[in-house]
């Protein structure tokens, strides 16, 4: 699988390791419509790559992902766009949870909204000491239905998950490690090397045993997603037209937002 420099979701191959890079660095890798669509499609291609044994997900520049960009959220006003966005969100969740290869998140900077969910859907999370996680869905009038409601309590206590999602605040890297949202916290300069080291160890494991162990471990996450996904996604779709969210869009219409959902 070769690199596509023009893609906002770039895939590079280095031996048995594939690196997925979210690549809108000037927008802090906030997802536009193209990135959101590609995030639902990229996994199948790598799963079908016979040379791939492990995956790293990271962001270009100084952020992992700042969530959804403002222009993308403006599409919430359009009915057909809302259905498309929700179906793409469903695909991202299903594809990542069922993806057979081990995935290491190299969280090199802020991981907000969708970025936070992407990190939580990975198998091992390495965070820069100056990175943070945040899911501000509720604070901008949206239901946290496209992953957060299922993935957050899968990794930490329900009380911590409620605090995280209902208040929408930031969780710094050390706190993320303490409550179960990160496996390693390292200096900013060491994030990719640490993620690479872990990915190399994973790639060297017997593939069948590793992949079926991951499938077994992810059964609980699949069940959690199955129990919340349909309600959460439908509720999020309807919240896209709620006056609270539309008021947020109106307030930010002239200057945009780099930290969305």
Protein backbone atom coordinates (compact mmCIF):
# COMPACT_ATOMS: atom_id res chain seq x y z
CA UNK A 1 0.00 0.00 0.00
CA UNK A 2 1.62 3.25 -1.10
CA UNK A 3 1.42 6.71 0.31
CA UNK A 4 -0.99 9.21 -1.17
CA UNK A 5 0.40 12.65 -0.33
CA UNK A 6 -2.80 14.37 -1.42
CA UNK A 7 -5.11 12.44 0.87
CA UNK A 8 -6.31 13.86 4.16
CA UNK A 9 -6.03 10.30 5.52
CA UNK A 10 -2.59 9.15 4.40
CA UNK A 11 -1.41 5.55 4.64
CA UNK A 12 2.30 4.75 4.57
CA UNK A 13 3.95 1.34 4.60
CA UNK A 14 7.19 0.50 6.37
CA UNK A 15 7.80 -3.23 6.48
CA UNK A 16 4.84 -4.87 8.26
CA UNK A 17 3.65 -1.60 9.81
CA UNK A 18 1.09 0.73 8.24
CA UNK A 19 0.82 4.28 9.52
CA UNK A 20 -2.44 6.17 9.11
CA UNK A 21 -1.84 9.91 9.34
CA UNK A 22 -4.68 12.39 9.68
CA UNK A 23 -3.39 15.15 7.45
CA UNK A 24 -4.98 18.57 7.72
CA UNK A 25 -2.25 20.07 9.92
CA UNK A 26 -3.21 23.72 9.44
CA UNK A 27 -6.70 22.84 10.72
CA UNK A 28 -5.26 20.72 13.59
CA UNK A 29 -6.46 17.67 11.65
CA UNK A 30 -10.08 18.57 12.26
CA UNK A 31 -12.26 16.35 10.11
CA UNK A 32 -13.89 17.76 7.01
CA UNK A 33 -16.39 15.77 4.95
CA UNK A 34 -13.61 14.09 2.97
CA UNK A 35 -11.67 12.97 6.05
CA UNK A 36 -14.82 11.70 7.76
CA UNK A 37 -15.68 9.61 4.70
CA UNK A 38 -12.14 8.25 4.34
CA UNK A 39 -11.97 7.26 8.01
CA UNK A 40 -14.75 4.78 7.34
CA UNK A 41 -13.04 3.34 4.26
CA UNK A 42 -9.34 3.12 5.12
CA UNK A 43 -9.54 0.08 7.41
CA UNK A 44 -10.82 -2.42 4.87
CA UNK A 45 -7.93 -1.74 2.50
CA UNK A 46 -5.32 -2.30 5.20
CA UNK A 47 -7.06 -5.46 6.45
CA UNK A 48 -6.83 -6.83 2.90
CA UNK A 49 -3.11 -5.97 2.65
CA UNK A 50 -1.25 -9.30 3.08
CA UNK A 51 1.94 -7.54 4.19
CA UNK A 52 0.34 -5.55 7.01
CA UNK A 53 0.73 -6.81 10.59
CA UNK A 54 0.22 -3.71 12.78
CA UNK A 55 -1.05 -0.14 12.41
CA UNK A 56 -0.18 3.24 13.93
CA UNK A 57 -2.67 6.12 13.86
CA UNK A 58 -1.39 9.66 14.37
CA UNK A 59 -1.88 13.26 13.29
CA UNK A 60 0.26 15.49 11.11
CA UNK A 61 1.76 18.54 12.80
CA UNK A 62 0.97 19.47 16.38
CA UNK A 63 -2.44 17.80 16.87
CA UNK A 64 -3.90 14.31 16.74
CA UNK A 65 -7.33 15.61 15.70
CA UNK A 66 -9.38 18.62 16.80
CA UNK A 67 -12.66 16.86 16.02
CA UNK A 68 -15.02 18.04 13.31
CA UNK A 69 -14.25 21.34 11.62
CA UNK A 70 -16.83 24.08 11.57
CA UNK A 71 -17.68 23.87 7.86
CA UNK A 72 -18.32 20.14 8.31
CA UNK A 73 -20.63 20.83 11.25
CA UNK A 74 -22.49 23.41 9.16
CA UNK A 75 -23.66 20.43 7.10
CA UNK A 76 -25.78 19.46 10.11
CA UNK A 77 -28.35 21.93 8.79
CA UNK A 78 -28.99 19.73 5.74
CA UNK A 79 -31.18 16.64 6.21
CA UNK A 80 -29.47 14.43 3.63
CA UNK A 81 -26.05 15.39 4.97
CA UNK A 82 -27.11 14.44 8.51
CA UNK A 83 -28.01 10.91 7.40
CA UNK A 84 -24.73 10.58 5.50
CA UNK A 85 -22.67 11.77 8.48
CA UNK A 86 -24.39 9.35 10.85
CA UNK A 87 -23.96 6.41 8.49
CA UNK A 88 -20.27 7.28 8.08
CA UNK A 89 -19.93 7.45 11.87
CA UNK A 90 -21.53 4.02 12.16
CA UNK A 91 -19.06 2.64 9.62
CA UNK A 92 -16.04 4.12 11.44
CA UNK A 93 -17.14 2.46 14.69
CA UNK A 94 -17.83 -0.93 13.14
CA UNK A 95 -14.71 -0.98 10.97
CA UNK A 96 -12.38 -0.06 13.82
CA UNK A 97 -13.88 -2.46 16.37
CA UNK A 98 -13.82 -5.34 13.90
CA UNK A 99 -10.44 -4.47 12.37
CA UNK A 100 -8.26 -7.57 12.80
CA UNK A 101 -4.80 -6.02 13.16
CA UNK A 102 -3.52 -4.36 16.34
CA UNK A 103 -3.72 -0.56 16.26
CA UNK A 104 -1.51 1.82 18.24
CA UNK A 105 -2.64 5.43 18.69
CA UNK A 106 0.25 7.91 18.71
CA UNK A 107 -1.56 10.85 20.30
CA UNK A 108 0.88 13.63 19.49
CA UNK A 109 -1.38 16.52 20.50
CA UNK A 110 -5.01 17.40 21.24
CA UNK A 111 -7.51 14.61 20.56
CA UNK A 112 -10.94 16.24 20.63
CA UNK A 113 -14.39 14.83 19.86
CA UNK A 114 -13.92 12.44 16.94
CA UNK A 115 -10.19 12.47 17.69
CA UNK A 116 -10.86 11.25 21.21
CA UNK A 117 -13.13 8.48 19.92
CA UNK A 118 -10.52 7.37 17.37
CA UNK A 119 -7.92 7.07 20.12
CA UNK A 120 -10.29 5.07 22.33
CA UNK A 121 -11.03 2.67 19.49
CA UNK A 122 -7.34 1.82 19.16
CA UNK A 123 -5.78 -1.09 21.05
CA UNK A 124 -2.86 0.70 22.70
CA UNK A 125 -2.67 4.45 23.31
CA UNK A 126 0.61 6.37 23.56
CA UNK A 127 0.18 10.02 24.53
CA UNK A 128 2.52 12.96 24.42
CA UNK A 129 2.90 14.47 27.88
CA UNK A 130 1.49 17.76 26.54
CA UNK A 131 -1.48 16.18 24.73
CA UNK A 132 -5.02 16.05 26.05
CA UNK A 133 -8.34 14.32 25.37
CA UNK A 134 -11.70 16.05 25.26
CA UNK A 135 -15.19 15.23 24.04
CA UNK A 136 -17.17 18.50 23.90
CA UNK A 137 -20.27 17.13 22.15
CA UNK A 138 -22.60 18.10 24.99
CA UNK A 139 -21.10 21.57 25.36
CA UNK A 140 -22.03 22.41 21.74
CA UNK A 141 -25.52 20.92 21.98
CA UNK A 142 -24.83 17.49 20.48
CA UNK A 143 -25.39 14.01 21.87
CA UNK A 144 -22.10 12.11 22.22
CA UNK A 145 -23.58 9.22 20.27
CA UNK A 146 -20.93 8.48 17.65
CA UNK A 147 -18.65 6.49 19.94
CA UNK A 148 -18.07 8.36 23.18
CA UNK A 149 -21.07 6.95 25.04
CA UNK A 150 -19.84 3.41 24.40
CA UNK A 151 -16.07 3.74 24.27
CA UNK A 152 -15.55 5.95 27.33
CA UNK A 153 -17.12 3.58 29.90
CA UNK A 154 -15.36 0.65 28.22
CA UNK A 155 -12.02 2.11 29.32
CA UNK A 156 -12.77 3.84 32.62
CA UNK A 157 -15.35 3.76 35.36
CA UNK A 158 -18.88 4.85 34.53
CA UNK A 159 -18.51 7.76 36.96
CA UNK A 160 -15.36 8.97 35.19
CA UNK A 161 -17.05 8.47 31.81
CA UNK A 162 -20.02 10.57 32.89
CA UNK A 163 -17.74 13.35 34.12
CA UNK A 164 -15.78 13.22 30.86
CA UNK A 165 -18.78 13.34 28.53
CA UNK A 166 -21.29 15.41 30.51
CA UNK A 167 -18.86 18.22 31.39
CA UNK A 168 -16.86 18.07 28.16
CA UNK A 169 -13.64 19.22 29.80
CA UNK A 170 -10.04 18.38 29.01
CA UNK A 171 -8.21 15.37 30.40
CA UNK A 172 -4.45 15.86 30.29
CA UNK A 173 -2.12 12.99 29.48
CA UNK A 174 -1.19 12.10 33.07
CA UNK A 175 -4.83 12.05 34.14
CA UNK A 176 -5.71 10.02 31.05
CA UNK A 177 -3.14 7.44 32.12
CA UNK A 178 -4.48 7.38 35.68
CA UNK A 179 -8.09 6.72 34.66
CA UNK A 180 -7.36 4.18 31.94
CA UNK A 181 -7.44 6.19 28.72
CA UNK A 182 -3.73 5.85 27.91
CA UNK A 183 -1.15 3.06 28.17
CA UNK A 184 1.98 5.21 27.98
CA UNK A 185 2.79 8.90 28.44
CA UNK A 186 6.08 10.05 26.94
CA UNK A 187 7.87 13.22 25.92
CA UNK A 188 6.48 14.86 22.81
CA UNK A 189 9.59 13.99 20.81
CA UNK A 190 9.25 10.29 21.68
CA UNK A 191 5.60 9.64 20.80
CA UNK A 192 6.18 8.16 17.36
CA UNK A 193 9.26 6.18 18.35
CA UNK A 194 7.41 4.66 21.31
CA UNK A 195 4.39 3.85 19.14
CA UNK A 196 6.71 2.36 16.53
CA UNK A 197 8.46 0.20 19.12
CA UNK A 198 5.12 -1.17 20.33
CA UNK A 199 3.88 -1.74 16.77
CA UNK A 200 7.05 -3.66 15.92
CA UNK A 201 6.56 -5.92 18.94
CA UNK A 202 2.94 -6.51 17.94
CA UNK A 203 3.90 -7.21 14.33
CA UNK A 204 6.37 -9.86 15.52
CA UNK A 205 3.74 -11.82 17.46
CA UNK A 206 2.13 -14.93 15.92
CA UNK A 207 -0.55 -13.27 13.79
CA UNK A 208 -3.39 -15.77 14.25
CA UNK A 209 -3.08 -15.90 18.04
CA UNK A 210 -2.78 -12.12 18.32
CA UNK A 211 -5.71 -11.35 16.04
CA UNK A 212 -8.09 -13.83 17.63
CA UNK A 213 -7.10 -12.60 21.08
CA UNK A 214 -7.93 -9.07 19.96
CA UNK A 215 -11.28 -10.30 18.62
CA UNK A 216 -12.02 -11.96 21.95
CA UNK A 217 -11.09 -8.84 23.89
CA UNK A 218 -13.20 -6.64 21.63
CA UNK A 219 -16.33 -8.71 22.18
CA UNK A 220 -17.16 -6.59 25.22
CA UNK A 221 -16.63 -3.40 23.22
CA UNK A 222 -18.81 -4.73 20.39
CA UNK A 223 -21.56 -5.48 22.89
CA UNK A 224 -21.23 -2.00 24.40
CA UNK A 225 -21.45 -0.42 20.96
CA UNK A 226 -24.41 -2.60 20.00
CA UNK A 227 -26.31 -1.54 23.11
CA UNK A 228 -25.70 2.20 22.67
CA UNK A 229 -24.91 2.73 18.98
CA UNK A 230 -28.37 2.82 17.44
CA UNK A 231 -29.92 5.02 20.13
CA UNK A 232 -26.82 7.19 20.38
CA UNK A 233 -26.48 7.80 16.64
CA UNK A 234 -30.18 8.54 16.16
CA UNK A 235 -30.16 10.84 19.20
CA UNK A 236 -27.08 12.61 17.86
CA UNK A 237 -28.71 13.06 14.47
CA UNK A 238 -31.73 14.74 16.05
CA UNK A 239 -29.53 16.90 18.27
CA UNK A 240 -27.98 18.32 15.09
CA UNK A 241 -31.23 20.24 14.58
CA UNK A 242 -31.81 21.20 18.20
CA UNK A 243 -31.88 24.96 18.91
CA UNK A 244 -28.93 24.61 21.32
CA UNK A 245 -26.67 23.25 18.58
CA UNK A 246 -27.99 25.61 15.92
CA UNK A 247 -27.26 28.50 18.28
CA UNK A 248 -23.67 27.26 18.55
CA UNK A 249 -23.38 27.17 14.75
CA UNK A 250 -24.83 30.68 14.48
CA UNK A 251 -22.46 32.08 17.12
CA UNK A 252 -19.45 30.67 15.29
CA UNK A 253 -20.60 31.26 11.72
CA UNK A 254 -18.19 34.11 11.08
CA UNK A 255 -15.01 32.81 12.68
CA UNK A 256 -15.32 29.03 12.74
CA UNK A 257 -14.11 26.61 15.38
CA UNK A 258 -11.03 24.39 15.50
CA UNK A 259 -12.20 22.19 18.34
CA UNK A 260 -15.51 20.64 17.41
CA UNK A 261 -17.18 17.27 17.80
